[in-house]
Amino acid sequence: MPTTCAGDASGRDGTAVEGRPRAALRRHCDAASKGFGAIVRDVRAPLTVLVIDDDAAIRTMLDLALREAGFTVLLNDGRAVRETDDADVALLDIRLGNRTARDLLDESPALGSIPIILMTATTGLVTAARMFPEARATLRKPFDLDDLERTIREVAAAPAPRGA
């Protein structure tokens, strides 16, 4: 069976399809997408994730982890979001210093045009879902990076809800 480059091909142990490490699989997929003769189905451009968090350490950690998982990453400190044209999904922290995600959503209509995944360390998941019905998913900090990657891919692949 040919190797595929789409979707989540990795296991929790860091290996990927046919026992190849992620980096080796990524090199294989990059070479195949440039027409070097490999048989590859469904090669897609990487998803772009907009990370909005006031904590620079969390932005840096997510930048490194998401790039390693094959995503393109845009970082924002939550003071203002003007453009979201390049983003496929937004990871939005509920508390942004002395502001909230609600403040940012109300001030930045562009955020309403992309799927939002909420991140919270202080608000319960059920409460967050009630407070932010526009969010497609909510993750509790600290979160497992495999769960984060899976959630991003699922949210990006899901059709927009009716009325959106």
Protein backbone atom coordinates (compact mmCIF):
# COMPACT_ATOMS: atom_id res chain seq x y z
CA MET A 1 0.00 0.00 0.00
CA PRO A 2 1.45 3.41 -0.93
CA THR A 3 2.43 5.88 1.76
CA THR A 4 0.05 8.79 2.20
CA CYS A 5 0.99 12.27 3.39
CA ALA A 6 -2.43 13.53 4.40
CA GLY A 7 -4.02 13.42 7.79
CA ASP A 8 -2.45 12.24 11.01
CA ALA A 9 -0.15 9.41 10.03
CA SER A 10 1.75 9.32 13.30
CA GLY A 11 1.24 7.18 16.32
CA ARG A 12 1.65 8.20 19.96
CA ASP A 13 5.12 6.67 19.98
CA GLY A 14 6.39 9.27 17.45
CA THR A 15 6.52 6.82 14.54
CA ALA A 16 4.59 7.26 11.35
CA VAL A 17 3.35 5.22 8.41
CA GLU A 18 5.48 2.16 7.63
CA GLY A 19 7.53 2.73 10.82
CA ARG A 20 9.15 5.92 9.50
CA PRO A 21 9.79 8.76 11.98
CA ARG A 22 7.79 11.93 11.36
CA ALA A 23 10.78 13.84 9.97
CA ALA A 24 11.56 11.07 7.46
CA LEU A 25 7.93 10.85 6.41
CA ARG A 26 7.79 14.63 6.03
CA ARG A 27 10.92 14.57 3.79
CA HIS A 28 9.36 11.77 1.74
CA CYS A 29 6.14 13.74 1.33
CA ASP A 30 8.00 16.95 0.46
CA ALA A 31 10.00 15.11 -2.21
CA ALA A 32 6.88 13.44 -3.57
CA SER A 33 4.98 16.70 -3.81
CA LYS A 34 7.82 18.13 -5.93
CA GLY A 35 7.38 15.34 -8.45
CA PHE A 36 10.35 13.12 -7.61
CA GLY A 37 8.48 9.98 -8.54
CA ALA A 38 7.04 8.71 -5.26
CA ILE A 39 3.49 7.38 -5.26
CA VAL A 40 1.54 9.65 -2.96
CA ARG A 41 -2.19 10.22 -2.70
CA ASP A 42 -3.92 13.32 -1.40
CA VAL A 43 -1.00 15.67 -0.72
CA ARG A 44 -2.43 18.87 0.79
CA ALA A 45 -0.96 22.19 1.82
CA PRO A 46 -0.36 22.42 5.55
CA LEU A 47 -3.09 23.95 7.68
CA THR A 48 -2.43 27.41 9.06
CA VAL A 49 -3.19 27.87 12.76
CA LEU A 50 -3.57 31.32 14.33
CA VAL A 51 -2.48 31.07 17.98
CA ILE A 52 -3.90 33.85 20.18
CA ASP A 53 -2.56 33.87 23.74
CA ASP A 54 -1.21 36.67 25.96
CA ASP A 55 1.44 34.35 27.45
CA ALA A 56 4.60 34.48 25.31
CA ALA A 57 5.85 31.13 26.68
CA ILE A 58 2.64 29.36 25.62
CA ARG A 59 2.78 31.01 22.17
CA THR A 60 6.37 29.83 21.76
CA MET A 61 5.60 26.28 22.93
CA LEU A 62 2.60 26.04 20.59
CA ASP A 63 4.61 27.51 17.71
CA LEU A 64 7.31 24.84 18.11
CA ALA A 65 4.89 21.95 18.67
CA LEU A 66 2.52 22.85 15.83
CA ARG A 67 5.35 23.44 13.34
CA GLU A 68 6.78 20.03 14.28
CA ALA A 69 3.34 18.54 13.57
CA GLY A 70 3.41 20.10 10.08
CA PHE A 71 1.22 23.17 10.60
CA THR A 72 1.98 26.72 9.51
CA VAL A 73 1.66 28.95 12.58
CA LEU A 74 0.71 32.61 13.03
CA LEU A 75 1.16 34.11 16.52
CA ASN A 76 -0.85 36.89 18.16
CA ASP A 77 -0.77 38.28 21.73
CA GLY A 78 -4.52 38.97 21.83
CA ARG A 79 -4.36 42.75 21.88
CA ALA A 80 -5.91 43.01 18.41
CA VAL A 81 -6.56 40.69 15.50
CA ARG A 82 -7.01 42.50 12.23
CA GLU A 83 -6.50 39.86 9.57
CA THR A 84 -7.30 36.16 9.58
CA ASP A 85 -7.20 35.58 5.82
CA ASP A 86 -4.33 33.11 5.98
CA ALA A 87 -5.62 31.11 8.96
CA ASP A 88 -7.61 27.88 8.68
CA VAL A 89 -8.22 27.58 12.45
CA ALA A 90 -7.72 29.87 15.47
CA LEU A 91 -6.55 28.65 18.89
CA LEU A 92 -7.91 31.28 21.26
CA ASP A 93 -7.15 31.54 24.98
CA ILE A 94 -10.22 32.57 27.00
CA ARG A 95 -8.22 34.87 29.32
CA LEU A 96 -5.98 37.37 27.60
CA GLY A 97 -4.42 39.31 30.47
CA ASN A 98 -7.06 41.75 31.67
CA ARG A 99 -9.15 41.11 28.56
CA THR A 100 -11.24 38.12 27.55
CA ALA A 101 -11.75 36.17 24.39
CA ARG A 102 -15.26 37.68 24.27
CA ASP A 103 -13.74 41.20 24.15
CA LEU A 104 -11.47 40.15 21.30
CA LEU A 105 -14.26 38.41 19.37
CA ASP A 106 -16.50 41.48 19.71
CA GLU A 107 -13.69 43.80 18.51
CA SER A 108 -12.42 41.55 15.70
CA PRO A 109 -15.21 40.44 13.38
CA ALA A 110 -12.62 38.75 11.14
CA LEU A 111 -12.26 36.03 13.80
CA GLY A 112 -15.85 34.98 13.12
CA SER A 113 -14.84 33.85 9.64
CA ILE A 114 -12.63 30.96 10.81
CA PRO A 115 -13.23 27.99 13.14
CA ILE A 116 -12.24 28.72 16.73
CA ILE A 117 -10.80 26.30 19.27
CA LEU A 118 -10.83 27.72 22.80
CA MET A 119 -8.05 27.09 25.31
CA THR A 120 -8.72 27.48 29.02
CA ALA A 121 -6.92 26.88 32.29
CA THR A 122 -9.52 28.51 34.51
CA THR A 123 -12.97 28.04 32.97
CA GLY A 124 -14.72 24.67 32.90
CA LEU A 125 -15.29 23.15 29.47
CA VAL A 126 -19.09 23.18 29.76
CA THR A 127 -19.10 26.80 30.93
CA ALA A 128 -16.74 27.80 28.11
CA ALA A 129 -18.99 26.11 25.54
CA ARG A 130 -21.97 28.08 26.88
CA MET A 131 -20.05 31.37 26.94
CA PHE A 132 -18.67 30.92 23.42
CA PRO A 133 -21.22 29.11 21.25
CA GLU A 134 -19.24 30.09 18.14
CA ALA A 135 -16.32 27.91 19.24
CA ARG A 136 -16.03 24.52 17.53
CA ALA A 137 -14.03 22.90 20.35
CA THR A 138 -12.57 23.66 23.77
CA LEU A 139 -9.33 22.34 25.24
CA ARG A 140 -8.32 22.43 28.91
CA LYS A 141 -4.76 23.57 29.68
CA PRO A 142 -2.44 21.85 30.07
CA PHE A 143 -3.40 19.77 27.06
CA ASP A 144 -1.87 16.77 25.39
CA LEU A 145 -0.18 17.82 22.14
CA ASP A 146 -1.53 14.77 20.29
CA ASP A 147 -5.07 15.76 21.37
CA LEU A 148 -4.39 19.33 20.23
CA GLU A 149 -3.20 18.18 16.80
CA ARG A 150 -6.16 15.82 16.40
CA THR A 151 -8.63 18.55 17.45
CA ILE A 152 -7.16 21.07 14.99
CA ARG A 153 -7.39 18.59 12.11
CA GLU A 154 -10.96 17.56 13.03
CA VAL A 155 -12.17 21.14 13.36
CA ALA A 156 -10.52 22.19 10.10
CA ALA A 157 -12.03 19.21 8.25
CA ALA A 158 -15.56 19.61 9.66
CA PRO A 159 -18.12 21.50 7.59
CA ALA A 160 -19.20 24.90 8.89
CA PRO A 161 -22.25 24.69 11.16
CA ARG A 162 -25.58 25.72 9.66
CA GLY A 163 -26.24 29.41 9.81
CA ALA A 164 -22.52 30.25 10.01
